Amino acid sequence: GKSVEVDHVFIEKNYRGQGLGNRFFHWIYDYVQAKGYEAMELNTYVTNAGSHKFYFNEGFKILGYHFLKKF
């Protein structure tokens, strides 16, 4: 099915904990569902535990790994 990928999104440190991320993501959910998308995917760094907690609370599941090789 059709999916959308959220990329390069962050909330400035001074604004965290105010529900802005939740409001922003729920706006995205409504928008993309109205456009016929069936899923949302994203990447987050393994060291970013705060984002993991947020995404788990939003109902995201870990389904794979993202690999990177720098030259």
N, C-alpha and C. Protein backbone atom coordinates (compact mmCIF):
# COMPACT_ATOMS: atom_id res chain seq x y z
N GLY A 1 0.81 -1.19 0.00
CA GLY A 1 0.00 0.00 0.00
C GLY A 1 0.86 1.25 0.00
N LYS A 2 0.20 2.37 -0.10
CA LYS A 2 0.89 3.65 -0.11
C LYS A 2 1.38 4.00 1.30
N SER A 3 2.63 4.44 1.38
CA SER A 3 3.17 4.87 2.67
C SER A 3 3.88 6.20 2.51
N VAL A 4 4.03 6.90 3.61
CA VAL A 4 4.72 8.17 3.64
C VAL A 4 5.84 8.06 4.66
N GLU A 5 6.96 8.74 4.38
CA GLU A 5 8.10 8.70 5.31
C GLU A 5 8.33 10.09 5.89
N VAL A 6 8.32 10.15 7.20
CA VAL A 6 8.64 11.39 7.91
C VAL A 6 10.16 11.44 8.03
N ASP A 7 10.75 12.58 7.66
CA ASP A 7 12.21 12.66 7.63
C ASP A 7 12.66 14.03 8.11
N HIS A 8 13.75 14.06 8.86
CA HIS A 8 14.38 15.30 9.33
C HIS A 8 13.42 16.18 10.13
N VAL A 9 12.75 15.58 11.09
CA VAL A 9 11.84 16.32 11.95
C VAL A 9 12.38 16.27 13.37
N PHE A 10 12.39 17.42 14.04
CA PHE A 10 12.76 17.45 15.44
C PHE A 10 12.08 18.64 16.11
N ILE A 11 11.93 18.54 17.41
CA ILE A 11 11.38 19.62 18.21
C ILE A 11 12.55 20.22 18.99
N GLU A 12 12.71 21.52 18.89
CA GLU A 12 13.77 22.21 19.64
C GLU A 12 13.66 21.87 21.13
N LYS A 13 14.81 21.72 21.77
CA LYS A 13 14.87 21.30 23.17
C LYS A 13 13.96 22.15 24.07
N ASN A 14 13.94 23.45 23.87
CA ASN A 14 13.14 24.34 24.73
C ASN A 14 11.63 24.11 24.59
N TYR A 15 11.20 23.45 23.52
CA TYR A 15 9.78 23.24 23.26
C TYR A 15 9.32 21.82 23.53
N ARG A 16 10.24 20.94 23.91
CA ARG A 16 9.88 19.55 24.17
C ARG A 16 9.07 19.43 25.45
N GLY A 17 8.27 18.38 25.53
CA GLY A 17 7.47 18.13 26.72
C GLY A 17 6.19 18.96 26.77
N GLN A 18 5.85 19.63 25.68
CA GLN A 18 4.65 20.47 25.65
C GLN A 18 3.55 19.87 24.75
N GLY A 19 3.78 18.67 24.26
CA GLY A 19 2.79 18.02 23.41
C GLY A 19 2.84 18.43 21.95
N LEU A 20 3.85 19.20 21.56
CA LEU A 20 3.93 19.67 20.17
C LEU A 20 4.19 18.53 19.20
N GLY A 21 5.06 17.60 19.57
CA GLY A 21 5.34 16.45 18.70
C GLY A 21 4.08 15.63 18.47
N ASN A 22 3.34 15.40 19.52
CA ASN A 22 2.10 14.65 19.40
C ASN A 22 1.11 15.39 18.51
N ARG A 23 0.95 16.68 18.70
CA ARG A 23 0.02 17.46 17.87
C ARG A 23 0.46 17.45 16.41
N PHE A 24 1.76 17.62 16.18
CA PHE A 24 2.29 17.63 14.83
C PHE A 24 2.05 16.29 14.13
N PHE A 25 2.37 15.18 14.83
CA PHE A 25 2.19 13.87 14.22
C PHE A 25 0.72 13.57 13.96
N HIS A 26 -0.16 13.98 14.85
CA HIS A 26 -1.58 13.72 14.61
C HIS A 26 -2.10 14.54 13.44
N TRP A 27 -1.55 15.72 13.24
CA TRP A 27 -1.89 16.49 12.04
C TRP A 27 -1.44 15.74 10.79
N ILE A 28 -0.21 15.20 10.83
CA ILE A 28 0.31 14.42 9.69
C ILE A 28 -0.57 13.20 9.45
N TYR A 29 -0.92 12.46 10.51
CA TYR A 29 -1.77 11.27 10.35
C TYR A 29 -3.05 11.63 9.62
N ASP A 30 -3.72 12.67 10.06
CA ASP A 30 -4.99 13.08 9.44
C ASP A 30 -4.78 13.46 7.98
N TYR A 31 -3.73 14.22 7.70
CA TYR A 31 -3.46 14.71 6.36
C TYR A 31 -3.18 13.56 5.39
N VAL A 32 -2.27 12.67 5.77
CA VAL A 32 -1.89 11.60 4.84
C VAL A 32 -2.99 10.55 4.68
N GLN A 33 -3.77 10.31 5.73
CA GLN A 33 -4.90 9.38 5.59
C GLN A 33 -5.93 9.95 4.64
N ALA A 34 -6.15 11.25 4.70
CA ALA A 34 -7.09 11.89 3.77
C ALA A 34 -6.60 11.80 2.33
N LYS A 35 -5.28 11.67 2.13
CA LYS A 35 -4.70 11.53 0.81
C LYS A 35 -4.63 10.07 0.35
N GLY A 36 -5.09 9.14 1.19
CA GLY A 36 -5.14 7.73 0.80
C GLY A 36 -3.94 6.90 1.22
N TYR A 37 -3.06 7.45 2.05
CA TYR A 37 -1.91 6.68 2.52
C TYR A 37 -2.35 5.71 3.62
N GLU A 38 -1.68 4.57 3.66
CA GLU A 38 -2.06 3.51 4.59
C GLU A 38 -1.06 3.31 5.72
N ALA A 39 0.13 3.91 5.60
CA ALA A 39 1.16 3.70 6.61
C ALA A 39 2.13 4.86 6.63
N MET A 40 2.83 4.98 7.76
CA MET A 40 3.88 5.98 7.91
C MET A 40 5.13 5.25 8.40
N GLU A 41 6.26 5.63 7.86
CA GLU A 41 7.52 5.03 8.30
C GLU A 41 8.54 6.12 8.58
N LEU A 42 9.56 5.76 9.35
CA LEU A 42 10.61 6.73 9.68
C LEU A 42 11.84 5.99 10.15
N ASN A 43 12.93 6.72 10.23
CA ASN A 43 14.19 6.22 10.78
C ASN A 43 14.55 7.07 11.99
N THR A 44 15.21 6.45 12.95
CA THR A 44 15.73 7.16 14.10
C THR A 44 17.03 6.49 14.52
N TYR A 45 17.94 7.27 15.03
CA TYR A 45 19.24 6.71 15.45
C TYR A 45 19.09 5.86 16.70
N VAL A 46 19.87 4.79 16.78
CA VAL A 46 19.78 3.86 17.91
C VAL A 46 20.12 4.54 19.23
N THR A 47 20.86 5.63 19.19
CA THR A 47 21.25 6.35 20.41
C THR A 47 20.20 7.35 20.88
N ASN A 48 19.12 7.54 20.12
CA ASN A 48 18.12 8.55 20.44
C ASN A 48 16.94 7.93 21.20
N ALA A 49 17.19 7.57 22.45
CA ALA A 49 16.19 6.87 23.26
C ALA A 49 14.92 7.70 23.45
N GLY A 50 15.04 9.01 23.54
CA GLY A 50 13.87 9.86 23.71
C GLY A 50 12.91 9.74 22.54
N SER A 51 13.46 9.69 21.33
CA SER A 51 12.59 9.55 20.16
C SER A 51 11.95 8.17 20.13
N HIS A 52 12.67 7.15 20.58
CA HIS A 52 12.12 5.79 20.59
C HIS A 52 10.89 5.74 21.48
N LYS A 53 10.99 6.34 22.66
CA LYS A 53 9.86 6.36 23.58
C LYS A 53 8.67 7.07 22.92
N PHE A 54 8.92 8.20 22.29
CA PHE A 54 7.85 8.95 21.62
C PHE A 54 7.19 8.08 20.55
N TYR A 55 7.99 7.48 19.68
CA TYR A 55 7.42 6.69 18.58
C TYR A 55 6.69 5.45 19.07
N PHE A 56 7.22 4.78 20.10
CA PHE A 56 6.48 3.65 20.68
C PHE A 56 5.13 4.11 21.22
N ASN A 57 5.12 5.25 21.90
CA ASN A 57 3.86 5.78 22.44
C ASN A 57 2.88 6.16 21.32
N GLU A 58 3.41 6.47 20.15
CA GLU A 58 2.56 6.79 19.00
C GLU A 58 2.10 5.55 18.23
N GLY A 59 2.55 4.37 18.67
CA GLY A 59 2.11 3.12 18.06
C GLY A 59 3.02 2.58 16.97
N PHE A 60 4.19 3.16 16.79
CA PHE A 60 5.14 2.64 15.80
C PHE A 60 5.77 1.35 16.30
N LYS A 61 6.11 0.48 15.38
CA LYS A 61 6.78 -0.79 15.67
C LYS A 61 8.10 -0.84 14.91
N ILE A 62 9.09 -1.49 15.49
CA ILE A 62 10.37 -1.68 14.81
C ILE A 62 10.23 -2.88 13.87
N LEU A 63 10.42 -2.65 12.57
CA LEU A 63 10.27 -3.72 11.59
C LEU A 63 11.54 -4.05 10.84
N GLY A 64 12.59 -3.25 11.02
CA GLY A 64 13.81 -3.52 10.26
C GLY A 64 14.97 -2.68 10.77
N TYR A 65 16.03 -2.71 10.00
CA TYR A 65 17.23 -1.95 10.31
C TYR A 65 17.55 -1.04 9.15
N HIS A 66 18.13 0.09 9.44
CA HIS A 66 18.62 1.02 8.43
C HIS A 66 20.14 0.95 8.48
N PHE A 67 20.76 0.63 7.36
CA PHE A 67 22.22 0.49 7.31
C PHE A 67 22.83 1.69 6.60
N LEU A 68 24.03 2.08 7.04
CA LEU A 68 24.76 3.18 6.45
C LEU A 68 26.24 2.82 6.41
N LYS A 69 26.87 3.11 5.30
CA LYS A 69 28.33 2.95 5.19
C LYS A 69 28.90 4.27 4.73
N LYS A 70 29.80 4.84 5.54
CA LYS A 70 30.45 6.09 5.16
C LYS A 70 31.78 5.79 4.51
N PHE A 71 32.13 6.60 3.52
CA PHE A 71 33.40 6.45 2.84
C PHE A 71 34.34 7.57 3.20
